[in-house]
Amino acid sequence: MGDFDNREREEVFSKKVRAGKRTYFFDVKATRSNDYYITITESKKRLEDGVFIKHKIFLYKEDFEKFAEGLKDTVEYIKANQEVVEKRYEMSESSEVAKSADDDFSFDI
């Protein structure tokens, strides 16, 4: 049995990013031998029943450069071929309202 089994590994760092109807979680976790890796999770509420559906990918440190390069090239291709307008999300699910598009928000879990 390797370092990875069905149990969740120790979480070292976590960053939550809300983007409209989706939430992304960037988590740094540690293997038993204390090697760090990243899990990227997309969480989206299913309209029919309100259940949150999660998709997760694992990114290992030996792949960071290739992954980042591939992501950068792909984003640059889209930006070169179509207009990309970055959305500024307001906190519509709570009573708080964004004062301006430049406000810096921190979201607690």
N, C-alpha and C. Protein backbone atom coordinates (compact mmCIF):
# COMPACT_ATOMS: atom_id res chain seq x y z
N MET A 1 0.85 -1.19 0.00
CA MET A 1 0.00 0.00 0.00
C MET A 1 0.89 1.25 0.00
N GLY A 2 0.61 2.20 -0.89
CA GLY A 2 1.45 3.38 -1.00
C GLY A 2 1.04 4.46 -0.01
N ASP A 3 1.58 5.65 -0.25
CA ASP A 3 1.28 6.79 0.61
C ASP A 3 -0.18 7.21 0.50
N PHE A 4 -0.79 6.91 -0.63
CA PHE A 4 -2.14 7.41 -0.87
C PHE A 4 -3.15 6.29 -0.72
N ASP A 5 -4.05 6.44 0.22
CA ASP A 5 -5.16 5.51 0.34
C ASP A 5 -6.43 6.34 0.48
N ASN A 6 -7.50 5.73 0.96
CA ASN A 6 -8.79 6.42 1.00
C ASN A 6 -8.87 7.50 2.07
N ARG A 7 -7.97 7.46 3.04
CA ARG A 7 -8.03 8.47 4.10
C ARG A 7 -7.43 9.79 3.61
N GLU A 8 -8.00 10.88 4.07
CA GLU A 8 -7.47 12.19 3.72
C GLU A 8 -6.14 12.41 4.42
N ARG A 9 -5.23 13.02 3.75
CA ARG A 9 -3.92 13.34 4.31
C ARG A 9 -4.00 14.62 5.12
N GLU A 10 -2.97 14.86 5.88
CA GLU A 10 -2.92 16.07 6.70
C GLU A 10 -2.92 17.31 5.81
N GLU A 11 -3.78 18.27 6.17
CA GLU A 11 -3.85 19.52 5.41
C GLU A 11 -2.85 20.51 5.98
N VAL A 12 -2.02 21.07 5.10
CA VAL A 12 -0.96 21.98 5.51
C VAL A 12 -1.37 23.44 5.27
N PHE A 13 -2.07 23.67 4.16
CA PHE A 13 -2.46 25.03 3.76
C PHE A 13 -3.71 24.90 2.91
N SER A 14 -4.61 25.89 3.01
CA SER A 14 -5.83 25.85 2.21
C SER A 14 -6.20 27.23 1.73
N LYS A 15 -6.60 27.33 0.48
CA LYS A 15 -7.06 28.60 -0.11
C LYS A 15 -8.40 28.33 -0.78
N LYS A 16 -9.41 29.10 -0.38
CA LYS A 16 -10.76 28.95 -0.93
C LYS A 16 -11.03 30.12 -1.85
N VAL A 17 -11.49 29.83 -3.08
CA VAL A 17 -11.78 30.87 -4.06
C VAL A 17 -13.22 30.72 -4.53
N ARG A 18 -14.04 31.71 -4.22
CA ARG A 18 -15.43 31.69 -4.70
C ARG A 18 -15.51 32.40 -6.03
N ALA A 19 -16.18 31.76 -6.99
CA ALA A 19 -16.32 32.33 -8.33
C ALA A 19 -17.74 32.05 -8.80
N GLY A 20 -18.66 32.93 -8.43
CA GLY A 20 -20.05 32.76 -8.84
C GLY A 20 -20.65 31.51 -8.23
N LYS A 21 -21.14 30.61 -9.10
CA LYS A 21 -21.80 29.39 -8.62
C LYS A 21 -20.81 28.29 -8.27
N ARG A 22 -19.53 28.54 -8.50
CA ARG A 22 -18.51 27.54 -8.20
C ARG A 22 -17.61 28.04 -7.08
N THR A 23 -17.07 27.09 -6.35
CA THR A 23 -16.04 27.39 -5.36
C THR A 23 -14.87 26.47 -5.66
N TYR A 24 -13.67 27.03 -5.64
CA TYR A 24 -12.46 26.25 -5.85
C TYR A 24 -11.67 26.21 -4.56
N PHE A 25 -11.17 25.03 -4.23
CA PHE A 25 -10.32 24.86 -3.05
C PHE A 25 -8.95 24.42 -3.52
N PHE A 26 -7.93 25.15 -3.12
CA PHE A 26 -6.54 24.79 -3.39
C PHE A 26 -5.94 24.37 -2.05
N ASP A 27 -5.68 23.09 -1.89
CA ASP A 27 -5.21 22.57 -0.61
C ASP A 27 -3.82 21.94 -0.76
N VAL A 28 -2.94 22.29 0.16
CA VAL A 28 -1.64 21.64 0.24
C VAL A 28 -1.76 20.55 1.29
N LYS A 29 -1.40 19.33 0.93
CA LYS A 29 -1.47 18.21 1.87
C LYS A 29 -0.11 17.54 1.94
N ALA A 30 0.06 16.73 2.96
CA ALA A 30 1.34 16.04 3.15
C ALA A 30 1.14 14.53 3.15
N THR A 31 2.04 13.83 2.48
CA THR A 31 2.03 12.37 2.52
C THR A 31 2.63 11.92 3.86
N ARG A 32 2.60 10.61 4.09
CA ARG A 32 3.20 10.08 5.32
C ARG A 32 4.67 10.43 5.44
N SER A 33 5.34 10.52 4.29
CA SER A 33 6.77 10.86 4.30
C SER A 33 6.99 12.37 4.25
N ASN A 34 5.91 13.12 4.49
CA ASN A 34 5.93 14.59 4.56
C ASN A 34 6.29 15.26 3.24
N ASP A 35 5.92 14.63 2.13
CA ASP A 35 6.04 15.26 0.82
C ASP A 35 4.74 16.02 0.58
N TYR A 36 4.86 17.27 0.15
CA TYR A 36 3.67 18.07 -0.11
C TYR A 36 3.14 17.82 -1.52
N TYR A 37 1.82 17.90 -1.66
CA TYR A 37 1.16 17.87 -2.96
C TYR A 37 -0.07 18.75 -2.87
N ILE A 38 -0.66 19.06 -4.02
CA ILE A 38 -1.81 19.96 -4.08
C ILE A 38 -3.03 19.18 -4.53
N THR A 39 -4.16 19.45 -3.89
CA THR A 39 -5.43 19.00 -4.46
C THR A 39 -6.20 20.25 -4.86
N ILE A 40 -6.77 20.21 -6.06
CA ILE A 40 -7.60 21.30 -6.56
C ILE A 40 -9.01 20.73 -6.68
N THR A 41 -9.94 21.33 -5.94
CA THR A 41 -11.31 20.83 -5.92
C THR A 41 -12.26 21.89 -6.43
N GLU A 42 -13.11 21.51 -7.35
CA GLU A 42 -14.19 22.37 -7.81
C GLU A 42 -15.46 21.87 -7.14
N SER A 43 -16.19 22.78 -6.50
CA SER A 43 -17.44 22.42 -5.84
C SER A 43 -18.55 23.28 -6.45
N LYS A 44 -19.59 22.61 -6.90
CA LYS A 44 -20.71 23.33 -7.54
C LYS A 44 -22.02 22.73 -7.06
N LYS A 45 -22.96 23.58 -6.71
CA LYS A 45 -24.27 23.11 -6.24
C LYS A 45 -25.12 22.66 -7.44
N ARG A 46 -25.61 21.44 -7.35
CA ARG A 46 -26.48 20.90 -8.39
C ARG A 46 -27.86 21.53 -8.25
N LEU A 47 -28.38 22.06 -9.34
CA LEU A 47 -29.65 22.80 -9.29
C LEU A 47 -30.82 21.93 -8.88
N GLU A 48 -30.86 20.68 -9.36
CA GLU A 48 -32.03 19.83 -9.12
C GLU A 48 -32.30 19.60 -7.63
N ASP A 49 -31.22 19.32 -6.87
CA ASP A 49 -31.45 18.92 -5.47
C ASP A 49 -30.58 19.68 -4.46
N GLY A 50 -29.79 20.63 -4.94
CA GLY A 50 -28.98 21.43 -4.02
C GLY A 50 -27.76 20.70 -3.46
N VAL A 51 -27.49 19.51 -3.97
CA VAL A 51 -26.33 18.74 -3.51
C VAL A 51 -25.06 19.33 -4.13
N PHE A 52 -23.99 19.43 -3.33
CA PHE A 52 -22.73 19.94 -3.85
C PHE A 52 -21.95 18.81 -4.51
N ILE A 53 -21.61 19.00 -5.77
CA ILE A 53 -20.84 18.02 -6.53
C ILE A 53 -19.40 18.51 -6.55
N LYS A 54 -18.47 17.61 -6.22
CA LYS A 54 -17.06 18.00 -6.17
C LYS A 54 -16.24 17.20 -7.17
N HIS A 55 -15.35 17.89 -7.85
CA HIS A 55 -14.38 17.26 -8.74
C HIS A 55 -13.00 17.62 -8.21
N LYS A 56 -12.13 16.64 -8.12
CA LYS A 56 -10.82 16.88 -7.51
C LYS A 56 -9.72 16.35 -8.40
N ILE A 57 -8.64 17.14 -8.51
CA ILE A 57 -7.44 16.63 -9.16
C ILE A 57 -6.28 16.75 -8.19
N PHE A 58 -5.32 15.86 -8.35
CA PHE A 58 -4.13 15.86 -7.52
C PHE A 58 -2.97 16.35 -8.36
N LEU A 59 -2.19 17.27 -7.81
CA LEU A 59 -1.05 17.83 -8.53
C LEU A 59 0.20 17.63 -7.67
N TYR A 60 1.14 16.87 -8.22
CA TYR A 60 2.35 16.52 -7.47
C TYR A 60 3.48 17.47 -7.84
N LYS A 61 4.38 17.71 -6.89
CA LYS A 61 5.37 18.78 -7.05
C LYS A 61 6.28 18.58 -8.26
N GLU A 62 6.51 17.33 -8.64
CA GLU A 62 7.37 17.12 -9.82
C GLU A 62 6.67 17.56 -11.11
N ASP A 63 5.35 17.82 -11.03
CA ASP A 63 4.59 18.24 -12.21
C ASP A 63 4.23 19.73 -12.20
N PHE A 64 4.60 20.47 -11.15
CA PHE A 64 4.20 21.88 -11.01
C PHE A 64 4.55 22.70 -12.25
N GLU A 65 5.82 22.62 -12.70
CA GLU A 65 6.27 23.47 -13.82
C GLU A 65 5.50 23.15 -15.09
N LYS A 66 5.37 21.87 -15.41
CA LYS A 66 4.66 21.47 -16.63
C LYS A 66 3.18 21.87 -16.56
N PHE A 67 2.56 21.68 -15.39
CA PHE A 67 1.15 22.04 -15.20
C PHE A 67 0.98 23.55 -15.38
N ALA A 68 1.82 24.33 -14.71
CA ALA A 68 1.72 25.79 -14.78
C ALA A 68 1.95 26.28 -16.21
N GLU A 69 2.91 25.68 -16.90
CA GLU A 69 3.20 26.05 -18.28
C GLU A 69 2.01 25.73 -19.19
N GLY A 70 1.42 24.56 -19.01
CA GLY A 70 0.26 24.17 -19.81
C GLY A 70 -0.94 25.07 -19.56
N LEU A 71 -1.18 25.42 -18.29
CA LEU A 71 -2.28 26.30 -17.94
C LEU A 71 -2.06 27.70 -18.53
N LYS A 72 -0.84 28.21 -18.39
CA LYS A 72 -0.50 29.54 -18.92
C LYS A 72 -0.69 29.58 -20.44
N ASP A 73 -0.17 28.58 -21.15
CA ASP A 73 -0.31 28.54 -22.61
C ASP A 73 -1.77 28.47 -23.03
N THR A 74 -2.56 27.70 -22.31
CA THR A 74 -3.98 27.53 -22.64
C THR A 74 -4.75 28.83 -22.41
N VAL A 75 -4.50 29.49 -21.28
CA VAL A 75 -5.16 30.76 -20.98
C VAL A 75 -4.73 31.82 -22.00
N GLU A 76 -3.44 31.87 -22.34
CA GLU A 76 -2.97 32.85 -23.33
C GLU A 76 -3.61 32.62 -24.69
N TYR A 77 -3.81 31.35 -25.07
CA TYR A 77 -4.47 31.04 -26.34
C TYR A 77 -5.89 31.63 -26.36
N ILE A 78 -6.63 31.40 -25.29
CA ILE A 78 -8.01 31.90 -25.24
C ILE A 78 -8.02 33.42 -25.26
N LYS A 79 -7.14 34.05 -24.46
CA LYS A 79 -7.10 35.51 -24.42
C LYS A 79 -6.73 36.10 -25.79
N ALA A 80 -5.90 35.40 -26.54
CA ALA A 80 -5.49 35.88 -27.86
C ALA A 80 -6.59 35.71 -28.90
N ASN A 81 -7.50 34.78 -28.66
CA ASN A 81 -8.52 34.46 -29.65
C ASN A 81 -9.93 34.92 -29.29
N GLN A 82 -10.16 35.23 -28.03
CA GLN A 82 -11.47 35.73 -27.60
C GLN A 82 -11.27 36.72 -26.47
N GLU A 83 -12.20 37.67 -26.39
CA GLU A 83 -12.15 38.61 -25.28
C GLU A 83 -12.50 37.88 -23.99
N VAL A 84 -11.68 38.06 -22.97
CA VAL A 84 -11.95 37.46 -21.67
C VAL A 84 -12.20 38.59 -20.68
N VAL A 85 -13.41 38.62 -20.14
CA VAL A 85 -13.76 39.63 -19.15
C VAL A 85 -13.80 38.95 -17.79
N GLU A 86 -12.89 39.34 -16.92
CA GLU A 86 -12.83 38.77 -15.57
C GLU A 86 -14.02 39.27 -14.79
N LYS A 87 -14.82 38.34 -14.27
CA LYS A 87 -16.00 38.74 -13.49
C LYS A 87 -15.60 39.15 -12.10
N ARG A 88 -16.26 40.17 -11.59
CA ARG A 88 -16.08 40.59 -10.20
C ARG A 88 -17.33 40.13 -9.46
N TYR A 89 -17.16 39.16 -8.58
CA TYR A 89 -18.32 38.59 -7.90
C TYR A 89 -18.62 39.33 -6.61
N GLU A 90 -19.90 39.54 -6.38
CA GLU A 90 -20.34 40.10 -5.10
C GLU A 90 -20.87 38.96 -4.26
N MET A 91 -20.90 39.18 -2.98
CA MET A 91 -21.35 38.13 -2.07
C MET A 91 -22.88 38.12 -2.05
N SER A 92 -23.47 37.49 -3.05
CA SER A 92 -24.92 37.53 -3.21
C SER A 92 -25.65 36.57 -2.28
N GLU A 93 -24.93 35.57 -1.75
CA GLU A 93 -25.58 34.57 -0.92
C GLU A 93 -25.73 35.01 0.53
N SER A 94 -25.18 36.16 0.88
CA SER A 94 -25.31 36.64 2.24
C SER A 94 -25.84 38.07 2.22
N SER A 95 -25.99 38.66 3.39
CA SER A 95 -26.53 40.01 3.46
C SER A 95 -25.47 41.06 3.15
N GLU A 96 -24.19 40.63 3.10
CA GLU A 96 -23.13 41.58 2.79
C GLU A 96 -23.13 41.90 1.30
N VAL A 97 -22.89 43.16 0.98
CA VAL A 97 -22.86 43.57 -0.41
C VAL A 97 -21.51 44.22 -0.68
N ALA A 98 -20.97 43.95 -1.86
CA ALA A 98 -19.67 44.54 -2.21
C ALA A 98 -19.83 46.04 -2.38
N LYS A 99 -18.92 46.81 -1.78
CA LYS A 99 -18.98 48.27 -1.89
C LYS A 99 -18.44 48.73 -3.23
N SER A 100 -17.37 48.07 -3.69
CA SER A 100 -16.83 48.40 -5.00
C SER A 100 -16.15 47.16 -5.56
N ALA A 101 -15.88 47.18 -6.86
CA ALA A 101 -15.27 46.02 -7.50
C ALA A 101 -13.83 45.80 -7.03
N ASP A 102 -13.23 46.81 -6.41
CA ASP A 102 -11.83 46.69 -6.00
C ASP A 102 -11.66 46.22 -4.56
N ASP A 103 -12.77 46.00 -3.85
CA ASP A 103 -12.66 45.53 -2.47
C ASP A 103 -11.98 44.18 -2.42
N ASP A 104 -11.19 43.98 -1.41
CA ASP A 104 -10.49 42.71 -1.21
C ASP A 104 -11.27 41.90 -0.18
N PHE A 105 -11.74 40.73 -0.56
CA PHE A 105 -12.52 39.91 0.35
C PHE A 105 -11.72 38.73 0.84
N SER A 106 -11.95 38.35 2.07
CA SER A 106 -11.42 37.07 2.54
C SER A 106 -12.61 36.23 2.97
N PHE A 107 -12.58 34.97 2.56
CA PHE A 107 -13.70 34.09 2.86
C PHE A 107 -13.24 33.03 3.84
N ASP A 108 -13.92 32.92 4.94
CA ASP A 108 -13.61 31.90 5.91
C ASP A 108 -14.49 30.69 5.68
N ILE A 109 -13.95 29.51 5.95
CA ILE A 109 -14.72 28.28 5.76
C ILE A 109 -15.73 28.17 6.90
